[in-house]
Structures are given as C-alpha cells and as structure tokens.
Amino acid sequence: MTAGELSAENLLRLSGSYWKVCALHAGVKLDLFTAIGKERLSPEEIAEKLSVDRRGITMLLNALTAMDLLTHINSR
C-alpha cells in the first residue's frame, strides 16, 4: 500500500464498509428481514417479535435504513 492509499479518507471509507457489513450480518443473524416481511412494524413490535432489546434493535433498524436496506415509514 502506498502512502496515498493510507489517507484518512480511505481509512474512514474502509472502516465504514466494515460497520455496514456488521449491521447487515446482525440483521441476517437475527432473521430481522424475515420477521418484518411485508408488515409495517414499529421498533417496539419488532423487538417484541424477536425478543430483543428495543433500543438496540432501533439502532440496528436506523443503520439498515441508512444503508437503504429498509425503508422508514412514519407512524401510523
């Protein structure tokens, strides 16, 4: 690797890619996408359905939405 490849921008991009993969892996491991299916569920409903922490699943949902893997729909 050259010094130019070790720029702060490239390192941030690389670490960002790593965290995106981690978020996707967490969603798959929790079977999140299957649990949601075609339903419109709140984070609270998803947390209950998967028996997971509401705050944690909300952060994961936000990350997956930022990656365009999920779509946020405003409250009913």
N, C-alpha and C. Protein backbone atom coordinates (compact mmCIF):
# COMPACT_ATOMS: atom_id res chain seq x y z
N MET A 1 0.83 -1.18 0.00
CA MET A 1 0.00 0.00 0.00
C MET A 1 0.88 1.24 0.00
N THR A 2 0.49 2.21 -0.77
CA THR A 2 1.26 3.44 -0.81
C THR A 2 0.73 4.41 0.25
N ALA A 3 1.49 5.45 0.50
CA ALA A 3 1.08 6.44 1.50
C ALA A 3 -0.25 7.08 1.11
N GLY A 4 -0.50 7.28 -0.17
CA GLY A 4 -1.76 7.87 -0.63
C GLY A 4 -2.96 6.98 -0.33
N GLU A 5 -2.74 5.67 -0.33
CA GLU A 5 -3.83 4.74 -0.05
C GLU A 5 -4.17 4.71 1.44
N LEU A 6 -3.28 5.24 2.28
CA LEU A 6 -3.49 5.26 3.72
C LEU A 6 -4.03 6.60 4.19
N SER A 7 -4.66 7.34 3.33
CA SER A 7 -5.20 8.64 3.72
C SER A 7 -6.34 8.44 4.71
N ALA A 8 -6.63 9.49 5.45
CA ALA A 8 -7.73 9.43 6.43
C ALA A 8 -9.04 9.12 5.72
N GLU A 9 -9.25 9.70 4.56
CA GLU A 9 -10.48 9.46 3.81
C GLU A 9 -10.63 7.97 3.44
N ASN A 10 -9.56 7.38 2.95
CA ASN A 10 -9.62 5.97 2.58
C ASN A 10 -9.80 5.06 3.79
N LEU A 11 -9.17 5.41 4.89
CA LEU A 11 -9.32 4.60 6.10
C LEU A 11 -10.74 4.71 6.65
N LEU A 12 -11.32 5.90 6.62
CA LEU A 12 -12.71 6.08 7.08
C LEU A 12 -13.68 5.32 6.18
N ARG A 13 -13.44 5.36 4.89
CA ARG A 13 -14.30 4.62 3.95
C ARG A 13 -14.21 3.12 4.22
N LEU A 14 -13.01 2.63 4.44
CA LEU A 14 -12.80 1.21 4.72
C LEU A 14 -13.48 0.80 6.02
N SER A 15 -13.33 1.60 7.07
CA SER A 15 -13.96 1.26 8.35
C SER A 15 -15.47 1.37 8.24
N GLY A 16 -15.98 2.31 7.45
CA GLY A 16 -17.42 2.44 7.24
C GLY A 16 -17.98 1.20 6.55
N SER A 17 -17.23 0.67 5.61
CA SER A 17 -17.66 -0.56 4.92
C SER A 17 -17.74 -1.71 5.90
N TYR A 18 -16.78 -1.78 6.81
CA TYR A 18 -16.77 -2.85 7.82
C TYR A 18 -18.03 -2.78 8.69
N TRP A 19 -18.39 -1.58 9.14
CA TRP A 19 -19.56 -1.45 10.01
C TRP A 19 -20.85 -1.73 9.26
N LYS A 20 -20.89 -1.43 7.97
CA LYS A 20 -22.08 -1.77 7.18
C LYS A 20 -22.25 -3.28 7.10
N VAL A 21 -21.15 -3.98 6.89
CA VAL A 21 -21.21 -5.44 6.84
C VAL A 21 -21.64 -6.00 8.19
N CYS A 22 -21.16 -5.41 9.28
CA CYS A 22 -21.55 -5.86 10.62
C CYS A 22 -23.05 -5.67 10.85
N ALA A 23 -23.59 -4.54 10.41
CA ALA A 23 -25.02 -4.27 10.58
C ALA A 23 -25.83 -5.26 9.77
N LEU A 24 -25.43 -5.50 8.53
CA LEU A 24 -26.14 -6.46 7.69
C LEU A 24 -26.07 -7.85 8.30
N HIS A 25 -24.91 -8.24 8.78
CA HIS A 25 -24.75 -9.56 9.40
C HIS A 25 -25.65 -9.70 10.63
N ALA A 26 -25.74 -8.65 11.44
CA ALA A 26 -26.60 -8.69 12.62
C ALA A 26 -28.06 -8.86 12.22
N GLY A 27 -28.49 -8.13 11.19
CA GLY A 27 -29.85 -8.25 10.71
C GLY A 27 -30.17 -9.65 10.22
N VAL A 28 -29.23 -10.25 9.49
CA VAL A 28 -29.41 -11.60 8.98
C VAL A 28 -29.41 -12.61 10.12
N LYS A 29 -28.47 -12.46 11.04
CA LYS A 29 -28.37 -13.39 12.16
C LYS A 29 -29.63 -13.37 13.03
N LEU A 30 -30.22 -12.19 13.20
CA LEU A 30 -31.46 -12.07 13.98
C LEU A 30 -32.69 -12.50 13.18
N ASP A 31 -32.51 -12.76 11.90
CA ASP A 31 -33.62 -13.09 11.00
C ASP A 31 -34.60 -11.92 10.94
N LEU A 32 -34.04 -10.72 11.01
CA LEU A 32 -34.82 -9.49 11.05
C LEU A 32 -35.68 -9.29 9.80
N PHE A 33 -35.10 -9.54 8.64
CA PHE A 33 -35.81 -9.28 7.39
C PHE A 33 -37.01 -10.22 7.24
N THR A 34 -36.86 -11.45 7.68
CA THR A 34 -37.98 -12.40 7.66
C THR A 34 -39.04 -11.99 8.67
N ALA A 35 -38.61 -11.54 9.83
CA ALA A 35 -39.55 -11.14 10.89
C ALA A 35 -40.40 -9.95 10.44
N ILE A 36 -39.79 -9.03 9.72
CA ILE A 36 -40.52 -7.86 9.24
C ILE A 36 -41.41 -8.27 8.06
N GLY A 37 -40.84 -9.03 7.13
CA GLY A 37 -41.60 -9.44 5.96
C GLY A 37 -42.17 -8.23 5.23
N LYS A 38 -43.45 -8.26 4.95
CA LYS A 38 -44.10 -7.14 4.26
C LYS A 38 -44.93 -6.31 5.23
N GLU A 39 -44.79 -6.60 6.52
CA GLU A 39 -45.56 -5.88 7.53
C GLU A 39 -44.95 -4.51 7.80
N ARG A 40 -45.77 -3.63 8.34
CA ARG A 40 -45.31 -2.33 8.83
C ARG A 40 -45.28 -2.44 10.34
N LEU A 41 -44.10 -2.66 10.87
CA LEU A 41 -43.94 -2.85 12.32
C LEU A 41 -43.13 -1.73 12.92
N SER A 42 -43.47 -1.36 14.13
CA SER A 42 -42.69 -0.36 14.87
C SER A 42 -41.47 -1.06 15.46
N PRO A 43 -40.46 -0.28 15.85
CA PRO A 43 -39.31 -0.90 16.52
C PRO A 43 -39.73 -1.69 17.76
N GLU A 44 -40.72 -1.20 18.47
CA GLU A 44 -41.20 -1.90 19.66
C GLU A 44 -41.79 -3.26 19.30
N GLU A 45 -42.57 -3.28 18.23
CA GLU A 45 -43.17 -4.54 17.78
C GLU A 45 -42.12 -5.52 17.29
N ILE A 46 -41.12 -5.01 16.60
CA ILE A 46 -40.04 -5.87 16.12
C ILE A 46 -39.25 -6.42 17.29
N ALA A 47 -38.95 -5.56 18.27
CA ALA A 47 -38.22 -6.00 19.46
C ALA A 47 -38.97 -7.11 20.18
N GLU A 48 -40.27 -6.94 20.30
CA GLU A 48 -41.09 -7.96 20.97
C GLU A 48 -41.11 -9.26 20.16
N LYS A 49 -41.28 -9.13 18.86
CA LYS A 49 -41.36 -10.30 17.98
C LYS A 49 -40.07 -11.11 18.01
N LEU A 50 -38.92 -10.41 18.09
CA LEU A 50 -37.62 -11.08 18.08
C LEU A 50 -37.06 -11.34 19.48
N SER A 51 -37.76 -10.86 20.49
CA SER A 51 -37.30 -10.96 21.89
C SER A 51 -35.92 -10.34 22.06
N VAL A 52 -35.79 -9.10 21.59
CA VAL A 52 -34.53 -8.37 21.70
C VAL A 52 -34.78 -7.01 22.33
N ASP A 53 -33.70 -6.34 22.69
CA ASP A 53 -33.75 -5.03 23.30
C ASP A 53 -34.28 -3.98 22.32
N ARG A 54 -35.25 -3.19 22.73
CA ARG A 54 -35.85 -2.17 21.85
C ARG A 54 -34.83 -1.13 21.40
N ARG A 55 -34.02 -0.65 22.32
CA ARG A 55 -33.03 0.38 21.96
C ARG A 55 -32.03 -0.17 20.96
N GLY A 56 -31.56 -1.38 21.19
CA GLY A 56 -30.58 -1.99 20.28
C GLY A 56 -31.15 -2.22 18.89
N ILE A 57 -32.39 -2.74 18.83
CA ILE A 57 -32.98 -3.02 17.52
C ILE A 57 -33.29 -1.71 16.80
N THR A 58 -33.63 -0.66 17.54
CA THR A 58 -33.87 0.64 16.92
C THR A 58 -32.60 1.16 16.26
N MET A 59 -31.47 1.01 16.92
CA MET A 59 -30.20 1.45 16.34
C MET A 59 -29.87 0.64 15.09
N LEU A 60 -30.12 -0.67 15.16
CA LEU A 60 -29.86 -1.52 14.00
C LEU A 60 -30.79 -1.15 12.85
N LEU A 61 -32.06 -0.92 13.13
CA LEU A 61 -33.01 -0.52 12.09
C LEU A 61 -32.58 0.80 11.45
N ASN A 62 -32.12 1.74 12.25
CA ASN A 62 -31.64 3.02 11.72
C ASN A 62 -30.43 2.83 10.80
N ALA A 63 -29.52 1.96 11.20
CA ALA A 63 -28.33 1.69 10.38
C ALA A 63 -28.73 1.05 9.06
N LEU A 64 -29.61 0.07 9.11
CA LEU A 64 -30.04 -0.62 7.88
C LEU A 64 -30.85 0.30 6.98
N THR A 65 -31.59 1.22 7.58
CA THR A 65 -32.33 2.22 6.80
C THR A 65 -31.36 3.18 6.12
N ALA A 66 -30.32 3.60 6.83
CA ALA A 66 -29.31 4.49 6.25
C ALA A 66 -28.59 3.82 5.09
N MET A 67 -28.53 2.48 5.12
CA MET A 67 -27.90 1.72 4.04
C MET A 67 -28.88 1.42 2.91
N ASP A 68 -30.10 1.92 3.02
CA ASP A 68 -31.17 1.69 2.03
C ASP A 68 -31.59 0.23 1.93
N LEU A 69 -31.43 -0.51 3.01
CA LEU A 69 -31.87 -1.90 3.04
C LEU A 69 -33.28 -2.01 3.63
N LEU A 70 -33.69 -0.99 4.34
CA LEU A 70 -35.05 -0.90 4.88
C LEU A 70 -35.58 0.49 4.57
N THR A 71 -36.88 0.65 4.65
CA THR A 71 -37.50 1.94 4.42
C THR A 71 -38.26 2.34 5.67
N HIS A 72 -38.00 3.55 6.13
CA HIS A 72 -38.71 4.08 7.30
C HIS A 72 -40.05 4.63 6.84
N ILE A 73 -41.10 4.19 7.51
CA ILE A 73 -42.43 4.70 7.23
C ILE A 73 -42.91 5.38 8.49
N ASN A 74 -43.36 6.62 8.37
CA ASN A 74 -43.81 7.37 9.54
C ASN A 74 -44.89 6.64 10.30
N SER A 75 -45.07 7.02 11.55
CA SER A 75 -46.06 6.39 12.43
C SER A 75 -47.42 6.30 11.78
N ARG A 76 -48.11 5.29 12.21
CA ARG A 76 -49.45 5.04 11.67
C ARG A 76 -50.43 6.09 12.08
